[in-house]
Amino acid sequence: MERYRDPLVVYWRPGCPFCVKLRLGLRFTRLRYTEVNIWHDPDAASFVRLVADGNETVPTVTVAGHPLVNPSLAELRRAIRTHAPDLLDRPR
């Protein structure tokens, strides 16, 4: 079970080029989010394995509790519009 209660949580690990791309793209948005390094948080790594078929596939993102494994920024925006549209109106 995910323990982070923020509406938008990005699970990542160092050295992951897909994580770098998504995190960089998010920095240019006005979205508020929490980043969790799965190498520093064993519970977060367990959560990622739970939603990623036993793999530590990152980035894994949750949008209002809905997991997305290795989403593009466009997929993430669609999920936000569907599951947490209020995030789009919040100042960073």
N, C-alpha and C. Protein backbone atom coordinates (compact mmCIF):
# COMPACT_ATOMS: atom_id res chain seq x y z
N MET A 1 0.84 -1.19 0.00
CA MET A 1 0.00 0.00 0.00
C MET A 1 0.89 1.25 0.00
N GLU A 2 0.50 2.20 -0.78
CA GLU A 2 1.27 3.45 -0.86
C GLU A 2 1.11 4.23 0.44
N ARG A 3 2.22 4.70 0.99
CA ARG A 3 2.14 5.44 2.25
C ARG A 3 2.19 6.95 2.07
N TYR A 4 2.52 7.40 0.87
CA TYR A 4 2.55 8.84 0.63
C TYR A 4 1.15 9.29 0.25
N ARG A 5 0.67 10.33 0.87
CA ARG A 5 -0.70 10.77 0.69
C ARG A 5 -0.84 11.94 -0.27
N ASP A 6 0.28 12.42 -0.79
CA ASP A 6 0.21 13.52 -1.74
C ASP A 6 -0.51 13.05 -3.01
N PRO A 7 -1.24 13.93 -3.66
CA PRO A 7 -1.97 13.53 -4.87
C PRO A 7 -1.07 13.09 -6.02
N LEU A 8 0.16 13.58 -6.06
CA LEU A 8 1.07 13.24 -7.15
C LEU A 8 2.43 12.85 -6.54
N VAL A 9 2.80 11.58 -6.73
CA VAL A 9 4.05 11.07 -6.17
C VAL A 9 4.84 10.41 -7.30
N VAL A 10 6.12 10.78 -7.40
CA VAL A 10 7.01 10.23 -8.41
C VAL A 10 8.05 9.36 -7.71
N TYR A 11 8.04 8.07 -8.01
CA TYR A 11 9.03 7.13 -7.48
C TYR A 11 10.14 7.01 -8.51
N TRP A 12 11.38 7.18 -8.08
CA TRP A 12 12.51 7.20 -8.99
C TRP A 12 13.72 6.55 -8.32
N ARG A 13 14.80 6.43 -9.09
CA ARG A 13 16.08 5.98 -8.54
C ARG A 13 17.20 6.66 -9.32
N PRO A 14 18.36 6.84 -8.69
CA PRO A 14 19.49 7.45 -9.38
C PRO A 14 19.93 6.61 -10.59
N GLY A 15 20.38 7.29 -11.62
CA GLY A 15 20.91 6.63 -12.80
C GLY A 15 19.86 6.21 -13.82
N CYS A 16 18.59 6.47 -13.53
CA CYS A 16 17.51 6.07 -14.43
C CYS A 16 17.25 7.20 -15.44
N PRO A 17 17.56 6.97 -16.74
CA PRO A 17 17.36 8.04 -17.72
C PRO A 17 15.88 8.40 -17.92
N PHE A 18 14.98 7.43 -17.75
CA PHE A 18 13.55 7.70 -17.89
C PHE A 18 13.07 8.60 -16.74
N CYS A 19 13.66 8.38 -15.56
CA CYS A 19 13.33 9.22 -14.39
C CYS A 19 13.81 10.65 -14.62
N VAL A 20 15.01 10.79 -15.14
CA VAL A 20 15.56 12.12 -15.42
C VAL A 20 14.63 12.86 -16.38
N LYS A 21 14.22 12.20 -17.43
CA LYS A 21 13.37 12.84 -18.44
C LYS A 21 12.04 13.28 -17.84
N LEU A 22 11.38 12.40 -17.09
CA LEU A 22 10.09 12.75 -16.51
C LEU A 22 10.23 13.83 -15.45
N ARG A 23 11.21 13.70 -14.58
CA ARG A 23 11.39 14.68 -13.51
C ARG A 23 11.73 16.05 -14.08
N LEU A 24 12.55 16.09 -15.11
CA LEU A 24 12.88 17.36 -15.75
C LEU A 24 11.63 17.98 -16.37
N GLY A 25 10.84 17.17 -17.06
CA GLY A 25 9.60 17.67 -17.63
C GLY A 25 8.65 18.20 -16.57
N LEU A 26 8.57 17.53 -15.44
CA LEU A 26 7.69 17.99 -14.36
C LEU A 26 8.16 19.31 -13.77
N ARG A 27 9.45 19.54 -13.76
CA ARG A 27 9.96 20.79 -13.19
C ARG A 27 9.52 22.01 -13.99
N PHE A 28 9.16 21.81 -15.24
CA PHE A 28 8.70 22.91 -16.07
C PHE A 28 7.18 23.09 -16.03
N THR A 29 6.53 22.32 -15.18
CA THR A 29 5.08 22.46 -14.99
C THR A 29 4.83 23.22 -13.70
N ARG A 30 3.60 23.55 -13.46
CA ARG A 30 3.23 24.20 -12.19
C ARG A 30 2.70 23.19 -11.19
N LEU A 31 2.90 21.91 -11.45
CA LEU A 31 2.37 20.86 -10.60
C LEU A 31 3.18 20.70 -9.32
N ARG A 32 2.48 20.46 -8.24
CA ARG A 32 3.14 20.13 -6.97
C ARG A 32 3.18 18.62 -6.87
N TYR A 33 4.33 18.09 -6.48
CA TYR A 33 4.49 16.65 -6.38
C TYR A 33 5.58 16.31 -5.38
N THR A 34 5.58 15.05 -4.98
CA THR A 34 6.60 14.53 -4.07
C THR A 34 7.45 13.53 -4.83
N GLU A 35 8.76 13.60 -4.65
CA GLU A 35 9.67 12.64 -5.26
C GLU A 35 10.17 11.68 -4.18
N VAL A 36 10.20 10.39 -4.51
CA VAL A 36 10.64 9.38 -3.56
C VAL A 36 11.70 8.50 -4.24
N ASN A 37 12.89 8.50 -3.68
CA ASN A 37 13.98 7.67 -4.18
C ASN A 37 13.78 6.26 -3.61
N ILE A 38 13.50 5.29 -4.47
CA ILE A 38 13.21 3.95 -3.98
C ILE A 38 14.44 3.26 -3.41
N TRP A 39 15.63 3.75 -3.70
CA TRP A 39 16.84 3.17 -3.11
C TRP A 39 17.04 3.64 -1.67
N HIS A 40 16.34 4.69 -1.28
CA HIS A 40 16.42 5.19 0.10
C HIS A 40 15.20 4.81 0.92
N ASP A 41 14.20 4.26 0.30
CA ASP A 41 12.94 3.96 0.99
C ASP A 41 12.48 2.55 0.61
N PRO A 42 12.80 1.55 1.44
CA PRO A 42 12.43 0.17 1.12
C PRO A 42 10.92 -0.03 0.95
N ASP A 43 10.12 0.70 1.70
CA ASP A 43 8.66 0.58 1.54
C ASP A 43 8.22 1.08 0.17
N ALA A 44 8.84 2.15 -0.29
CA ALA A 44 8.52 2.68 -1.62
C ALA A 44 8.93 1.68 -2.70
N ALA A 45 10.09 1.05 -2.53
CA ALA A 45 10.53 0.03 -3.49
C ALA A 45 9.54 -1.13 -3.52
N SER A 46 9.05 -1.53 -2.36
CA SER A 46 8.05 -2.60 -2.29
C SER A 46 6.77 -2.20 -3.00
N PHE A 47 6.35 -0.96 -2.81
CA PHE A 47 5.15 -0.47 -3.48
C PHE A 47 5.33 -0.52 -5.00
N VAL A 48 6.47 -0.06 -5.47
CA VAL A 48 6.73 -0.07 -6.92
C VAL A 48 6.69 -1.51 -7.44
N ARG A 49 7.31 -2.44 -6.73
CA ARG A 49 7.26 -3.84 -7.17
C ARG A 49 5.82 -4.36 -7.20
N LEU A 50 5.01 -3.93 -6.26
CA LEU A 50 3.62 -4.36 -6.19
C LEU A 50 2.84 -3.92 -7.43
N VAL A 51 3.05 -2.70 -7.89
CA VAL A 51 2.27 -2.19 -9.02
C VAL A 51 2.95 -2.42 -10.38
N ALA A 52 4.20 -2.89 -10.36
CA ALA A 52 4.96 -3.08 -11.60
C ALA A 52 5.30 -4.55 -11.82
N ASP A 53 4.37 -5.42 -11.52
CA ASP A 53 4.54 -6.86 -11.78
C ASP A 53 5.81 -7.44 -11.17
N GLY A 54 6.15 -7.00 -9.97
CA GLY A 54 7.31 -7.54 -9.27
C GLY A 54 8.63 -6.88 -9.61
N ASN A 55 8.60 -5.91 -10.50
CA ASN A 55 9.83 -5.21 -10.92
C ASN A 55 9.93 -3.85 -10.26
N GLU A 56 11.13 -3.36 -10.15
CA GLU A 56 11.34 -2.00 -9.63
C GLU A 56 11.43 -1.04 -10.82
N THR A 57 10.40 -1.03 -11.63
CA THR A 57 10.36 -0.18 -12.81
C THR A 57 10.05 1.25 -12.40
N VAL A 58 10.97 2.14 -12.76
CA VAL A 58 10.78 3.55 -12.47
C VAL A 58 11.02 4.34 -13.74
N PRO A 59 10.44 5.51 -13.86
CA PRO A 59 9.59 6.12 -12.85
C PRO A 59 8.23 5.42 -12.77
N THR A 60 7.77 5.30 -11.56
CA THR A 60 6.40 4.92 -11.29
C THR A 60 5.78 6.13 -10.61
N VAL A 61 4.59 6.47 -11.01
CA VAL A 61 3.93 7.67 -10.51
C VAL A 61 2.54 7.30 -10.02
N THR A 62 2.12 7.90 -8.93
CA THR A 62 0.73 7.75 -8.52
C THR A 62 0.05 9.11 -8.65
N VAL A 63 -1.16 9.06 -9.20
CA VAL A 63 -2.00 10.24 -9.34
C VAL A 63 -3.26 9.94 -8.55
N ALA A 64 -3.40 10.59 -7.41
CA ALA A 64 -4.54 10.35 -6.51
C ALA A 64 -4.71 8.86 -6.26
N GLY A 65 -3.59 8.17 -6.03
CA GLY A 65 -3.61 6.75 -5.72
C GLY A 65 -3.63 5.82 -6.91
N HIS A 66 -3.74 6.32 -8.11
CA HIS A 66 -3.75 5.50 -9.32
C HIS A 66 -2.32 5.39 -9.86
N PRO A 67 -1.76 4.17 -9.90
CA PRO A 67 -0.37 4.02 -10.34
C PRO A 67 -0.20 4.02 -11.85
N LEU A 68 0.89 4.62 -12.29
CA LEU A 68 1.30 4.61 -13.69
C LEU A 68 2.77 4.18 -13.71
N VAL A 69 3.08 3.17 -14.49
CA VAL A 69 4.45 2.68 -14.57
C VAL A 69 5.11 3.22 -15.83
N ASN A 70 6.20 3.95 -15.62
CA ASN A 70 6.98 4.57 -16.69
C ASN A 70 6.11 5.38 -17.66
N PRO A 71 5.34 6.32 -17.13
CA PRO A 71 4.48 7.12 -18.01
C PRO A 71 5.26 8.22 -18.72
N SER A 72 4.74 8.62 -19.87
CA SER A 72 5.27 9.82 -20.51
C SER A 72 4.61 11.01 -19.80
N LEU A 73 5.13 12.19 -20.05
CA LEU A 73 4.54 13.39 -19.46
C LEU A 73 3.11 13.57 -19.97
N ALA A 74 2.86 13.24 -21.23
CA ALA A 74 1.51 13.35 -21.78
C ALA A 74 0.55 12.37 -21.09
N GLU A 75 1.01 11.14 -20.85
CA GLU A 75 0.17 10.16 -20.14
C GLU A 75 -0.11 10.63 -18.72
N LEU A 76 0.89 11.21 -18.10
CA LEU A 76 0.72 11.72 -16.75
C LEU A 76 -0.29 12.86 -16.72
N ARG A 77 -0.22 13.76 -17.66
CA ARG A 77 -1.19 14.86 -17.73
C ARG A 77 -2.61 14.34 -17.92
N ARG A 78 -2.78 13.33 -18.77
CA ARG A 78 -4.11 12.74 -18.96
C ARG A 78 -4.63 12.13 -17.66
N ALA A 79 -3.76 11.45 -16.95
CA ALA A 79 -4.16 10.84 -15.67
C ALA A 79 -4.53 11.91 -14.65
N ILE A 80 -3.82 13.01 -14.65
CA ILE A 80 -4.13 14.10 -13.73
C ILE A 80 -5.49 14.70 -14.07
N ARG A 81 -5.74 14.92 -15.36
CA ARG A 81 -7.05 15.45 -15.76
C ARG A 81 -8.18 14.51 -15.35
N THR A 82 -7.93 13.21 -15.38
CA THR A 82 -8.96 12.22 -15.04
C THR A 82 -9.12 12.05 -13.53
N HIS A 83 -8.00 11.89 -12.81
CA HIS A 83 -8.05 11.49 -11.41
C HIS A 83 -7.82 12.62 -10.40
N ALA A 84 -7.20 13.71 -10.82
CA ALA A 84 -6.90 14.80 -9.88
C ALA A 84 -6.87 16.13 -10.59
N PRO A 85 -7.97 16.51 -11.24
CA PRO A 85 -7.97 17.77 -12.01
C PRO A 85 -7.69 19.01 -11.17
N ASP A 86 -7.96 18.93 -9.88
CA ASP A 86 -7.69 20.08 -9.02
C ASP A 86 -6.20 20.40 -8.95
N LEU A 87 -5.34 19.45 -9.25
CA LEU A 87 -3.89 19.72 -9.26
C LEU A 87 -3.51 20.73 -10.33
N LEU A 88 -4.28 20.78 -11.40
CA LEU A 88 -3.97 21.67 -12.50
C LEU A 88 -4.22 23.13 -12.14
N ASP A 89 -5.03 23.38 -11.13
CA ASP A 89 -5.35 24.73 -10.72
C ASP A 89 -4.52 25.24 -9.55
N ARG A 90 -3.71 24.38 -8.97
CA ARG A 90 -2.93 24.77 -7.79
C ARG A 90 -1.65 25.48 -8.16
N PRO A 91 -1.31 26.55 -7.46
CA PRO A 91 0.01 27.15 -7.68
C PRO A 91 1.07 26.26 -7.08
N ARG A 92 2.24 26.31 -7.65
CA ARG A 92 3.34 25.46 -7.17
C ARG A 92 3.94 26.01 -5.92
